[in-house]
N, C-alpha and C. Protein backbone atom coordinates (compact mmCIF):
# COMPACT_ATOMS: atom_id res chain seq x y z
N MET A 1 122.76 93.37 111.84
CA MET A 1 121.48 92.76 111.44
C MET A 1 121.65 91.25 111.38
N SER A 2 120.57 90.52 111.67
CA SER A 2 120.60 89.06 111.61
C SER A 2 121.04 88.60 110.22
N GLU A 3 121.61 87.41 110.16
CA GLU A 3 122.08 86.87 108.89
C GLU A 3 120.90 86.70 107.93
N ILE A 4 121.02 87.28 106.75
CA ILE A 4 119.96 87.20 105.75
C ILE A 4 120.59 87.32 104.38
N ASN A 5 120.17 86.46 103.45
CA ASN A 5 120.79 86.52 102.12
C ASN A 5 120.21 87.69 101.34
N PRO A 6 120.92 88.14 100.30
CA PRO A 6 120.50 89.34 99.58
C PRO A 6 119.11 89.24 98.96
N VAL A 7 118.73 88.06 98.46
CA VAL A 7 117.41 87.92 97.84
C VAL A 7 116.32 88.12 98.88
N GLU A 8 116.48 87.50 100.05
CA GLU A 8 115.48 87.65 101.10
C GLU A 8 115.46 89.09 101.63
N LEU A 9 116.62 89.72 101.70
CA LEU A 9 116.67 91.12 102.13
C LEU A 9 115.87 91.99 101.16
N GLY A 10 116.02 91.76 99.87
CA GLY A 10 115.26 92.52 98.88
C GLY A 10 113.77 92.34 99.08
N ARG A 11 113.35 91.10 99.35
CA ARG A 11 111.92 90.84 99.56
C ARG A 11 111.41 91.51 100.83
N GLN A 12 112.24 91.51 101.87
CA GLN A 12 111.86 92.18 103.11
C GLN A 12 111.79 93.69 102.94
N LEU A 13 112.64 94.24 102.11
CA LEU A 13 112.59 95.68 101.85
C LEU A 13 111.30 96.05 101.13
N LYS A 14 110.83 95.16 100.28
CA LYS A 14 109.57 95.41 99.58
C LYS A 14 108.39 95.33 100.55
N LYS A 15 108.36 94.27 101.36
CA LYS A 15 107.22 94.05 102.26
C LYS A 15 107.72 93.35 103.52
N PRO A 16 108.13 94.13 104.53
CA PRO A 16 108.65 93.51 105.75
C PRO A 16 107.63 92.62 106.43
N SER A 17 108.14 91.52 107.01
CA SER A 17 107.28 90.60 107.74
C SER A 17 108.09 89.92 108.83
N GLY A 18 107.42 89.54 109.91
CA GLY A 18 108.07 88.79 110.97
C GLY A 18 109.10 89.61 111.72
N ASP A 19 109.83 88.92 112.61
CA ASP A 19 110.84 89.60 113.42
C ASP A 19 111.95 90.19 112.56
N ILE A 20 112.34 89.47 111.49
CA ILE A 20 113.40 90.00 110.63
C ILE A 20 112.92 91.27 109.92
N GLY A 21 111.62 91.34 109.62
CA GLY A 21 111.07 92.54 109.00
C GLY A 21 111.18 93.75 109.92
N LEU A 22 110.98 93.55 111.21
CA LEU A 22 111.14 94.64 112.17
C LEU A 22 112.58 95.14 112.19
N GLU A 23 113.50 94.19 112.13
CA GLU A 23 114.92 94.56 112.13
C GLU A 23 115.31 95.27 110.84
N VAL A 24 114.83 94.77 109.72
CA VAL A 24 115.10 95.41 108.43
C VAL A 24 114.56 96.83 108.43
N ALA A 25 113.37 97.03 108.98
CA ALA A 25 112.76 98.36 109.00
C ALA A 25 113.61 99.35 109.78
N GLU A 26 114.17 98.93 110.90
CA GLU A 26 115.04 99.84 111.66
C GLU A 26 116.29 100.19 110.87
N ASN A 27 116.84 99.22 110.15
CA ASN A 27 118.00 99.51 109.31
C ASN A 27 117.62 100.42 108.15
N MET A 28 116.39 100.26 107.62
CA MET A 28 115.92 101.17 106.58
C MET A 28 115.89 102.61 107.08
N ASN A 29 115.53 102.80 108.34
CA ASN A 29 115.48 104.15 108.88
C ASN A 29 116.84 104.82 108.83
N VAL A 30 117.89 104.07 109.13
CA VAL A 30 119.25 104.62 109.05
C VAL A 30 119.60 104.95 107.61
N SER A 31 119.31 104.01 106.71
CA SER A 31 119.63 104.20 105.30
C SER A 31 118.81 105.32 104.66
N ASN A 32 117.57 105.49 105.12
CA ASN A 32 116.65 106.43 104.49
C ASN A 32 116.65 107.82 105.10
N ALA A 33 117.40 108.03 106.17
CA ALA A 33 117.35 109.34 106.84
C ALA A 33 117.69 110.48 105.89
N SER A 34 118.72 110.29 105.08
CA SER A 34 119.14 111.40 104.20
C SER A 34 118.08 111.72 103.16
N ILE A 35 117.45 110.70 102.59
CA ILE A 35 116.48 110.96 101.54
C ILE A 35 115.19 111.53 102.12
N TYR A 36 114.78 111.09 103.31
CA TYR A 36 113.60 111.69 103.94
C TYR A 36 113.83 113.17 104.22
N ASN A 37 114.96 113.50 104.80
CA ASN A 37 115.25 114.91 105.09
C ASN A 37 115.31 115.73 103.81
N PHE A 38 115.88 115.16 102.77
CA PHE A 38 115.99 115.85 101.48
C PHE A 38 114.62 116.10 100.88
N ILE A 39 113.75 115.09 100.90
CA ILE A 39 112.42 115.25 100.31
C ILE A 39 111.59 116.24 101.13
N LEU A 40 111.59 116.09 102.43
CA LEU A 40 110.71 116.90 103.25
C LEU A 40 111.11 118.37 103.26
N GLN A 41 112.38 118.66 103.02
CA GLN A 41 112.78 120.07 102.99
C GLN A 41 112.24 120.79 101.75
N HIS A 42 111.76 120.01 100.77
CA HIS A 42 111.17 120.60 99.57
C HIS A 42 109.66 120.82 99.70
N LEU A 43 109.07 120.36 100.79
CA LEU A 43 107.62 120.46 100.94
C LEU A 43 107.23 121.75 101.66
N ASN A 44 106.24 122.41 101.11
CA ASN A 44 105.63 123.58 101.75
C ASN A 44 104.20 123.20 102.07
N LEU A 45 103.98 122.70 103.28
CA LEU A 45 102.68 122.18 103.67
C LEU A 45 101.90 123.27 104.40
N GLU A 46 100.81 123.70 103.80
CA GLU A 46 100.00 124.77 104.38
C GLU A 46 99.03 124.22 105.42
N ASN A 47 98.45 125.13 106.19
CA ASN A 47 97.50 124.73 107.23
C ASN A 47 96.37 123.87 106.68
N ASP A 48 96.05 122.82 107.41
CA ASP A 48 94.89 121.97 107.14
C ASP A 48 94.97 121.22 105.80
N ILE A 49 96.15 121.14 105.21
CA ILE A 49 96.29 120.47 103.93
C ILE A 49 96.18 118.95 104.13
N ASN A 50 95.55 118.28 103.18
CA ASN A 50 95.43 116.82 103.24
C ASN A 50 96.60 116.18 102.50
N THR A 51 97.37 115.42 103.23
CA THR A 51 98.60 114.83 102.71
C THR A 51 98.55 113.32 102.87
N LEU A 52 99.12 112.62 101.91
CA LEU A 52 99.19 111.16 101.95
C LEU A 52 100.62 110.72 101.76
N GLU A 53 101.10 109.81 102.60
CA GLU A 53 102.36 109.11 102.33
C GLU A 53 102.05 107.68 101.98
N ILE A 54 102.63 107.22 100.87
CA ILE A 54 102.49 105.83 100.43
C ILE A 54 103.77 105.09 100.78
N GLY A 55 103.66 104.07 101.64
CA GLY A 55 104.81 103.23 101.98
C GLY A 55 105.68 103.85 103.06
N PHE A 56 105.20 103.85 104.30
CA PHE A 56 105.87 104.59 105.38
C PHE A 56 106.81 103.73 106.21
N GLY A 57 106.97 102.44 105.89
CA GLY A 57 107.83 101.59 106.72
C GLY A 57 107.27 101.49 108.13
N ASN A 58 108.13 101.62 109.14
CA ASN A 58 107.62 101.52 110.51
C ASN A 58 107.17 102.86 111.06
N GLY A 59 107.18 103.90 110.24
CA GLY A 59 106.55 105.16 110.60
C GLY A 59 107.37 106.10 111.46
N ARG A 60 108.65 105.81 111.63
CA ARG A 60 109.45 106.68 112.50
C ARG A 60 109.68 108.07 111.91
N PHE A 61 109.52 108.22 110.59
CA PHE A 61 109.69 109.53 109.98
C PHE A 61 108.38 110.32 109.91
N ILE A 62 107.27 109.71 110.26
CA ILE A 62 105.97 110.40 110.17
C ILE A 62 105.94 111.71 110.95
N PRO A 63 106.49 111.79 112.18
CA PRO A 63 106.44 113.07 112.91
C PRO A 63 107.12 114.22 112.19
N LYS A 64 108.02 113.93 111.27
CA LYS A 64 108.72 115.00 110.56
C LYS A 64 107.76 115.85 109.72
N TYR A 65 106.67 115.26 109.24
CA TYR A 65 105.68 116.05 108.49
C TYR A 65 105.09 117.14 109.37
N PHE A 66 104.88 116.84 110.65
CA PHE A 66 104.26 117.79 111.56
C PHE A 66 105.27 118.80 112.09
N GLU A 67 106.56 118.53 111.90
CA GLU A 67 107.57 119.55 112.19
C GLU A 67 107.51 120.65 111.14
N ILE A 68 107.12 120.30 109.91
CA ILE A 68 106.95 121.30 108.86
C ILE A 68 105.74 122.17 109.17
N ASN A 69 104.63 121.53 109.51
CA ASN A 69 103.41 122.26 109.87
C ASN A 69 102.53 121.34 110.72
N PRO A 70 102.33 121.67 111.98
CA PRO A 70 101.54 120.80 112.86
C PRO A 70 100.05 120.79 112.53
N ARG A 71 99.61 121.63 111.59
CA ARG A 71 98.17 121.74 111.31
C ARG A 71 97.74 120.98 110.05
N ILE A 72 98.62 120.17 109.51
CA ILE A 72 98.20 119.33 108.39
C ILE A 72 97.45 118.11 108.92
N HIS A 73 96.76 117.41 108.02
CA HIS A 73 96.27 116.07 108.33
C HIS A 73 96.99 115.10 107.42
N LEU A 74 97.57 114.07 107.99
CA LEU A 74 98.34 113.09 107.24
C LEU A 74 97.62 111.74 107.24
N SER A 75 97.40 111.21 106.06
CA SER A 75 97.00 109.82 105.90
C SER A 75 98.23 109.04 105.45
N ALA A 76 98.31 107.79 105.86
CA ALA A 76 99.49 106.99 105.52
C ALA A 76 99.05 105.57 105.25
N ILE A 77 99.55 104.99 104.16
CA ILE A 77 99.20 103.60 103.83
C ILE A 77 100.47 102.80 103.58
N ASP A 78 100.35 101.51 103.91
CA ASP A 78 101.42 100.55 103.65
C ASP A 78 100.75 99.19 103.54
N PHE A 79 101.33 98.29 102.75
CA PHE A 79 100.68 96.98 102.60
C PHE A 79 101.32 95.89 103.45
N SER A 80 102.20 96.28 104.35
CA SER A 80 102.79 95.33 105.29
C SER A 80 102.06 95.44 106.64
N ASP A 81 101.42 94.35 107.05
CA ASP A 81 100.68 94.35 108.32
C ASP A 81 101.56 94.74 109.49
N ILE A 82 102.77 94.21 109.52
CA ILE A 82 103.62 94.46 110.68
C ILE A 82 104.12 95.90 110.71
N MET A 83 104.31 96.51 109.53
CA MET A 83 104.71 97.91 109.49
C MET A 83 103.56 98.81 109.93
N CYS A 84 102.34 98.48 109.54
CA CYS A 84 101.19 99.26 109.98
C CYS A 84 101.05 99.21 111.50
N SER A 85 101.22 98.02 112.08
CA SER A 85 101.13 97.88 113.54
C SER A 85 102.22 98.68 114.24
N GLU A 86 103.44 98.61 113.73
CA GLU A 86 104.54 99.36 114.32
C GLU A 86 104.30 100.86 114.23
N ALA A 87 103.90 101.32 113.04
CA ALA A 87 103.68 102.75 112.84
C ALA A 87 102.56 103.27 113.73
N ALA A 88 101.51 102.47 113.89
CA ALA A 88 100.40 102.89 114.75
C ALA A 88 100.85 103.00 116.21
N SER A 89 101.70 102.08 116.64
CA SER A 89 102.21 102.11 118.00
C SER A 89 103.14 103.30 118.22
N ILE A 90 104.03 103.52 117.27
CA ILE A 90 105.02 104.60 117.40
C ILE A 90 104.34 105.97 117.37
N ASN A 91 103.25 106.09 116.61
CA ASN A 91 102.61 107.39 116.38
C ASN A 91 101.22 107.48 117.00
N GLN A 92 101.00 106.75 118.09
CA GLN A 92 99.67 106.71 118.67
C GLN A 92 99.18 108.08 119.13
N ASP A 93 100.09 108.96 119.56
CA ASP A 93 99.67 110.30 120.00
C ASP A 93 99.09 111.09 118.83
N LEU A 94 99.70 110.99 117.66
CA LEU A 94 99.20 111.69 116.49
C LEU A 94 97.86 111.13 116.05
N ILE A 95 97.69 109.81 116.16
CA ILE A 95 96.43 109.18 115.80
C ILE A 95 95.33 109.64 116.75
N GLN A 96 95.62 109.64 118.05
CA GLN A 96 94.63 110.04 119.05
C GLN A 96 94.24 111.51 118.91
N ALA A 97 95.15 112.32 118.39
CA ALA A 97 94.87 113.74 118.18
C ALA A 97 94.18 114.01 116.85
N ASN A 98 93.83 112.93 116.13
CA ASN A 98 93.16 113.03 114.83
C ASN A 98 93.99 113.80 113.79
N LYS A 99 95.30 113.75 113.95
CA LYS A 99 96.19 114.35 112.96
C LYS A 99 96.66 113.32 111.92
N LEU A 100 96.62 112.05 112.29
CA LEU A 100 97.16 110.97 111.47
C LEU A 100 96.16 109.83 111.39
N SER A 101 96.00 109.30 110.18
CA SER A 101 95.25 108.05 110.02
C SER A 101 96.12 107.07 109.23
N ILE A 102 96.13 105.83 109.65
CA ILE A 102 96.93 104.79 109.03
C ILE A 102 96.01 103.71 108.49
N LYS A 103 96.24 103.33 107.24
CA LYS A 103 95.49 102.24 106.63
C LYS A 103 96.48 101.21 106.10
N CYS A 104 96.14 99.95 106.30
CA CYS A 104 96.96 98.87 105.77
C CYS A 104 96.29 98.37 104.50
N GLU A 105 96.78 98.85 103.37
CA GLU A 105 96.19 98.47 102.09
C GLU A 105 97.19 98.67 100.97
N ASP A 106 96.91 98.05 99.85
CA ASP A 106 97.77 98.12 98.67
C ASP A 106 97.51 99.43 97.94
N SER A 107 98.55 100.15 97.62
CA SER A 107 98.39 101.45 96.95
C SER A 107 97.91 101.31 95.51
N MET A 108 97.87 100.09 94.99
CA MET A 108 97.32 99.87 93.64
C MET A 108 95.80 99.99 93.64
N SER A 109 95.19 99.88 94.81
CA SER A 109 93.73 99.96 94.89
C SER A 109 93.37 100.61 96.22
N MET A 110 93.44 101.93 96.27
CA MET A 110 93.24 102.65 97.53
C MET A 110 91.75 102.90 97.79
N SER A 111 91.41 102.94 99.06
CA SER A 111 90.01 103.11 99.46
C SER A 111 89.59 104.58 99.52
N PHE A 112 90.48 105.50 99.21
CA PHE A 112 90.16 106.92 99.28
C PHE A 112 89.29 107.35 98.09
N ALA A 113 88.49 108.38 98.31
CA ALA A 113 87.66 108.93 97.25
C ALA A 113 88.53 109.66 96.22
N ASN A 114 87.97 109.88 95.06
CA ASN A 114 88.65 110.67 94.03
C ASN A 114 89.03 112.05 94.57
N GLU A 115 90.20 112.53 94.16
CA GLU A 115 90.67 113.88 94.48
C GLU A 115 90.64 114.17 95.98
N SER A 116 91.19 113.25 96.77
CA SER A 116 91.20 113.38 98.23
C SER A 116 92.35 114.23 98.75
N PHE A 117 93.48 114.28 98.01
CA PHE A 117 94.70 114.81 98.61
C PHE A 117 95.28 115.98 97.83
N ASP A 118 95.79 116.95 98.61
CA ASP A 118 96.52 118.07 98.03
C ASP A 118 97.95 117.68 97.71
N VAL A 119 98.52 116.81 98.54
CA VAL A 119 99.93 116.39 98.41
C VAL A 119 100.02 114.89 98.64
N ILE A 120 100.76 114.22 97.76
CA ILE A 120 101.08 112.80 97.95
C ILE A 120 102.59 112.64 97.87
N VAL A 121 103.13 111.91 98.82
CA VAL A 121 104.58 111.67 98.90
C VAL A 121 104.82 110.18 98.96
N THR A 122 105.79 109.72 98.19
CA THR A 122 106.23 108.32 98.32
C THR A 122 107.75 108.29 98.20
N ILE A 123 108.38 107.57 99.11
CA ILE A 123 109.85 107.57 99.20
C ILE A 123 110.34 106.13 99.19
N ASN A 124 111.19 105.82 98.21
CA ASN A 124 111.80 104.49 98.08
C ASN A 124 110.76 103.38 97.95
N THR A 125 109.71 103.65 97.18
CA THR A 125 108.73 102.61 96.89
C THR A 125 108.62 102.32 95.39
N VAL A 126 109.04 103.25 94.56
CA VAL A 126 108.82 103.13 93.11
C VAL A 126 109.43 101.85 92.55
N TYR A 127 110.49 101.35 93.17
CA TYR A 127 111.15 100.13 92.69
C TYR A 127 110.25 98.90 92.76
N PHE A 128 109.24 98.97 93.62
CA PHE A 128 108.42 97.79 93.91
C PHE A 128 107.07 97.82 93.19
N TRP A 129 106.82 98.82 92.38
CA TRP A 129 105.57 98.91 91.64
C TRP A 129 105.64 97.99 90.44
N GLU A 130 104.90 96.90 90.49
CA GLU A 130 104.98 95.90 89.43
C GLU A 130 104.39 96.41 88.11
N GLU A 131 103.38 97.28 88.21
CA GLU A 131 102.79 97.89 87.01
C GLU A 131 102.74 99.39 87.25
N ILE A 132 103.83 100.06 86.93
CA ILE A 132 103.98 101.46 87.31
C ILE A 132 102.92 102.36 86.69
N GLU A 133 102.52 102.05 85.45
CA GLU A 133 101.50 102.90 84.80
C GLU A 133 100.17 102.82 85.54
N LEU A 134 99.77 101.62 85.97
CA LEU A 134 98.53 101.47 86.72
C LEU A 134 98.64 102.11 88.10
N GLN A 135 99.81 102.01 88.70
CA GLN A 135 100.01 102.66 90.01
C GLN A 135 99.87 104.17 89.88
N LEU A 136 100.46 104.74 88.83
CA LEU A 136 100.37 106.18 88.62
C LEU A 136 98.93 106.61 88.34
N GLU A 137 98.17 105.79 87.65
CA GLU A 137 96.76 106.10 87.40
C GLU A 137 95.99 106.16 88.72
N GLU A 138 96.28 105.23 89.63
CA GLU A 138 95.60 105.22 90.92
C GLU A 138 96.00 106.44 91.76
N ILE A 139 97.26 106.80 91.72
CA ILE A 139 97.71 108.00 92.44
C ILE A 139 97.05 109.24 91.85
N LYS A 140 96.97 109.29 90.54
CA LYS A 140 96.32 110.42 89.87
C LYS A 140 94.85 110.53 90.29
N ARG A 141 94.20 109.39 90.47
CA ARG A 141 92.78 109.39 90.84
C ARG A 141 92.55 110.06 92.19
N VAL A 142 93.42 109.80 93.17
CA VAL A 142 93.17 110.30 94.52
C VAL A 142 93.83 111.65 94.78
N THR A 143 94.55 112.20 93.80
CA THR A 143 95.16 113.51 93.93
C THR A 143 94.25 114.58 93.36
N LYS A 144 94.14 115.71 94.05
CA LYS A 144 93.35 116.81 93.52
C LYS A 144 93.98 117.33 92.23
N LYS A 145 93.16 117.86 91.35
CA LYS A 145 93.68 118.42 90.09
C LYS A 145 94.72 119.49 90.40
N GLY A 146 95.88 119.34 89.80
CA GLY A 146 96.98 120.27 90.06
C GLY A 146 97.69 120.03 91.37
N GLY A 147 97.29 118.96 92.10
CA GLY A 147 97.93 118.66 93.37
C GLY A 147 99.39 118.24 93.20
N LEU A 148 100.12 118.23 94.30
CA LEU A 148 101.55 117.92 94.28
C LEU A 148 101.77 116.44 94.53
N PHE A 149 102.59 115.83 93.69
CA PHE A 149 103.01 114.44 93.86
C PHE A 149 104.53 114.41 93.86
N VAL A 150 105.11 113.85 94.92
CA VAL A 150 106.56 113.85 95.10
C VAL A 150 107.06 112.41 95.19
N ILE A 151 108.01 112.08 94.34
CA ILE A 151 108.64 110.76 94.35
C ILE A 151 110.08 110.91 94.82
N GLY A 152 110.41 110.26 95.93
CA GLY A 152 111.79 110.19 96.38
C GLY A 152 112.36 108.82 96.01
N TYR A 153 113.50 108.82 95.36
CA TYR A 153 114.07 107.54 94.93
C TYR A 153 115.58 107.68 94.77
N ARG A 154 116.21 106.53 94.61
CA ARG A 154 117.64 106.48 94.30
C ARG A 154 117.80 105.89 92.91
N PRO A 155 118.53 106.56 92.04
CA PRO A 155 118.55 106.16 90.63
C PRO A 155 119.29 104.85 90.38
N LYS A 156 118.98 104.29 89.24
CA LYS A 156 119.54 103.01 88.82
C LYS A 156 121.06 103.01 88.88
N SER A 157 121.66 104.12 88.53
CA SER A 157 123.13 104.19 88.46
C SER A 157 123.79 103.90 89.81
N VAL A 158 123.09 104.18 90.93
CA VAL A 158 123.68 103.92 92.25
C VAL A 158 123.10 102.68 92.92
N MET A 159 122.07 102.08 92.33
CA MET A 159 121.42 100.91 92.93
C MET A 159 121.75 99.60 92.23
N LYS A 160 122.15 99.68 90.97
CA LYS A 160 122.21 98.48 90.12
C LYS A 160 123.19 97.42 90.60
N ASP A 161 124.21 97.80 91.35
CA ASP A 161 125.21 96.82 91.79
C ASP A 161 124.99 96.33 93.22
N LEU A 162 123.96 96.82 93.89
CA LEU A 162 123.70 96.38 95.26
C LEU A 162 123.10 94.97 95.22
N PRO A 163 123.65 94.02 95.97
CA PRO A 163 123.20 92.63 95.87
C PRO A 163 121.72 92.43 96.14
N PHE A 164 121.14 93.19 97.08
CA PHE A 164 119.74 92.98 97.44
C PHE A 164 118.76 93.57 96.41
N ALA A 165 119.29 94.34 95.45
CA ALA A 165 118.42 95.00 94.47
C ALA A 165 118.34 94.22 93.16
N GLN A 166 118.77 92.98 93.16
CA GLN A 166 118.86 92.24 91.90
C GLN A 166 117.58 91.53 91.51
N GLU A 167 116.67 91.25 92.45
CA GLU A 167 115.51 90.42 92.11
C GLU A 167 114.20 91.22 92.08
N VAL A 168 113.77 91.75 93.22
CA VAL A 168 112.44 92.36 93.28
C VAL A 168 112.43 93.85 92.92
N PHE A 169 113.60 94.46 92.82
CA PHE A 169 113.68 95.88 92.51
C PHE A 169 113.58 96.10 91.00
N LYS A 170 112.81 97.12 90.61
CA LYS A 170 112.84 97.63 89.25
C LYS A 170 113.39 99.04 89.32
N LEU A 171 114.53 99.24 88.69
CA LEU A 171 115.29 100.48 88.88
C LEU A 171 115.07 101.45 87.73
N TYR A 172 115.17 102.75 88.07
CA TYR A 172 114.95 103.80 87.08
C TYR A 172 116.03 104.87 87.22
N ASP A 173 116.51 105.36 86.11
CA ASP A 173 117.26 106.60 86.10
C ASP A 173 116.30 107.75 85.83
N SER A 174 116.78 108.95 86.00
CA SER A 174 115.93 110.13 85.92
C SER A 174 115.16 110.21 84.60
N GLU A 175 115.86 109.99 83.49
CA GLU A 175 115.22 110.11 82.18
C GLU A 175 114.08 109.10 82.02
N ASP A 176 114.31 107.87 82.49
CA ASP A 176 113.29 106.82 82.39
C ASP A 176 112.04 107.21 83.17
N LEU A 177 112.24 107.62 84.43
CA LEU A 177 111.11 107.91 85.29
C LEU A 177 110.35 109.15 84.81
N GLN A 178 111.08 110.16 84.40
CA GLN A 178 110.41 111.36 83.90
C GLN A 178 109.57 111.05 82.67
N SER A 179 110.08 110.21 81.78
CA SER A 179 109.34 109.84 80.58
C SER A 179 108.03 109.14 80.94
N ILE A 180 108.08 108.23 81.92
CA ILE A 180 106.89 107.47 82.31
C ILE A 180 105.84 108.38 82.93
N VAL A 181 106.25 109.25 83.85
CA VAL A 181 105.25 110.09 84.52
C VAL A 181 104.63 111.08 83.54
N LYS A 182 105.41 111.57 82.60
CA LYS A 182 104.84 112.49 81.61
C LYS A 182 103.83 111.78 80.72
N GLN A 183 104.10 110.53 80.38
CA GLN A 183 103.16 109.76 79.57
C GLN A 183 101.83 109.56 80.30
N GLN A 184 101.87 109.56 81.62
CA GLN A 184 100.65 109.39 82.42
C GLN A 184 99.97 110.72 82.73
N GLY A 185 100.48 111.80 82.17
CA GLY A 185 99.81 113.09 82.30
C GLY A 185 100.32 113.99 83.40
N PHE A 186 101.27 113.53 84.21
CA PHE A 186 101.82 114.39 85.26
C PHE A 186 102.70 115.47 84.65
N ILE A 187 102.75 116.61 85.32
CA ILE A 187 103.52 117.76 84.85
C ILE A 187 104.74 117.90 85.74
N ILE A 188 105.92 117.86 85.17
CA ILE A 188 107.15 117.93 85.96
C ILE A 188 107.39 119.37 86.41
N ILE A 189 107.53 119.55 87.71
CA ILE A 189 107.90 120.85 88.27
C ILE A 189 109.41 121.00 88.26
N LYS A 190 110.08 120.02 88.87
CA LYS A 190 111.54 120.01 88.90
C LYS A 190 112.00 118.68 89.45
N GLU A 191 113.27 118.37 89.23
CA GLU A 191 113.90 117.23 89.87
C GLU A 191 115.24 117.69 90.43
N GLU A 192 115.49 117.35 91.67
CA GLU A 192 116.73 117.73 92.32
C GLU A 192 117.40 116.50 92.90
N HIS A 193 118.72 116.60 93.08
CA HIS A 193 119.52 115.46 93.53
C HIS A 193 120.53 115.94 94.57
N GLN A 194 120.88 115.04 95.47
CA GLN A 194 122.00 115.29 96.37
C GLN A 194 122.83 114.02 96.48
N THR A 195 124.14 114.21 96.62
CA THR A 195 125.05 113.08 96.79
C THR A 195 125.41 112.96 98.26
N THR A 196 125.35 111.75 98.78
CA THR A 196 125.60 111.50 100.19
C THR A 196 126.50 110.29 100.37
N ILE A 197 127.13 110.20 101.52
CA ILE A 197 127.77 108.98 101.98
C ILE A 197 126.87 108.43 103.08
N ARG A 198 126.36 107.22 102.88
CA ARG A 198 125.40 106.68 103.83
C ARG A 198 125.68 105.20 104.06
N LYS A 199 125.06 104.68 105.12
CA LYS A 199 125.11 103.26 105.40
C LYS A 199 123.93 102.59 104.72
N SER A 200 124.19 101.59 103.88
CA SER A 200 123.14 100.86 103.20
C SER A 200 122.45 99.92 104.18
N VAL A 201 121.28 99.37 103.76
CA VAL A 201 120.55 98.47 104.65
C VAL A 201 121.30 97.18 104.93
N ASP A 202 122.27 96.83 104.09
CA ASP A 202 123.05 95.62 104.36
C ASP A 202 124.28 95.91 105.22
N GLY A 203 124.39 97.16 105.70
CA GLY A 203 125.48 97.52 106.60
C GLY A 203 126.69 98.13 105.95
N SER A 204 126.78 98.08 104.62
CA SER A 204 127.93 98.64 103.92
C SER A 204 127.80 100.16 103.80
N GLU A 205 128.92 100.85 103.76
CA GLU A 205 128.93 102.30 103.58
C GLU A 205 129.17 102.61 102.11
N ILE A 206 128.29 103.41 101.52
CA ILE A 206 128.36 103.66 100.08
C ILE A 206 128.15 105.14 99.78
N GLN A 207 128.66 105.56 98.62
CA GLN A 207 128.30 106.87 98.10
C GLN A 207 127.00 106.72 97.32
N SER A 208 126.07 107.60 97.57
CA SER A 208 124.74 107.42 97.02
C SER A 208 124.19 108.75 96.51
N THR A 209 123.09 108.66 95.79
CA THR A 209 122.37 109.84 95.31
C THR A 209 120.92 109.74 95.75
N ASP A 210 120.42 110.82 96.34
CA ASP A 210 119.00 110.95 96.66
C ASP A 210 118.37 111.83 95.61
N SER A 211 117.25 111.40 95.05
CA SER A 211 116.56 112.15 94.01
C SER A 211 115.16 112.51 94.45
N CYS A 212 114.75 113.74 94.13
CA CYS A 212 113.43 114.25 94.47
C CYS A 212 112.76 114.73 93.19
N LEU A 213 111.75 114.00 92.73
CA LEU A 213 111.00 114.35 91.53
C LEU A 213 109.66 114.93 91.96
N MET A 214 109.44 116.21 91.63
CA MET A 214 108.24 116.92 92.04
C MET A 214 107.34 117.14 90.83
N LEU A 215 106.05 116.78 90.99
CA LEU A 215 105.11 116.77 89.88
C LEU A 215 103.81 117.43 90.28
N HIS A 216 103.11 117.97 89.29
CA HIS A 216 101.71 118.35 89.43
C HIS A 216 100.85 117.26 88.81
N ALA A 217 99.76 116.91 89.50
CA ALA A 217 98.76 116.06 88.86
C ALA A 217 98.08 116.86 87.75
N PRO A 218 97.56 116.18 86.73
CA PRO A 218 96.90 116.90 85.64
C PRO A 218 95.77 117.78 86.13
N TYR A 219 95.59 118.93 85.51
CA TYR A 219 94.51 119.86 85.86
C TYR A 219 93.22 119.43 85.19
């Protein structure tokens, strides 16, 4: 990857921009492969279900949802203009088939109607929510009552010493995150973890933990 200091790398991971953002996004795909596969193997997506992914990066993992069930409809949002453009280009066949819609907007204020989605998935975005309680309220608004909300993340214990995670990242361990979501009315189904050896976005090889927190929206 091009020379980039850890602070700028952290900012690019939050919201990729420019040519360096495109490069960072490709490196994110390598780093995120294990957690995407881990999260998606827990999803049981039924025919015609309305699903939303919040924060899809450049969208290279979007086709994996349709490997689970090709009859779902997926909406996807991200607040990085360049990531939305990349994802639309990479997944143009799904868009043309009316299986996928992409919106470039902030997940703190989504344009979807109340109770739009049966399933909402977000992977490696929770660190960047500046007001997590308000973000969870907005997610709760667009999720159907009793709908599934899945958070994929890497816990504080494995992220806290990474140089790029020192400024814009807000890190959580399992107990912290579970406490917050319960306070917002979500019902915990289960949380599962896997330990992996992976390449980080800065090129280093590390032992890591992928966490999958599965929740029901309030009934």
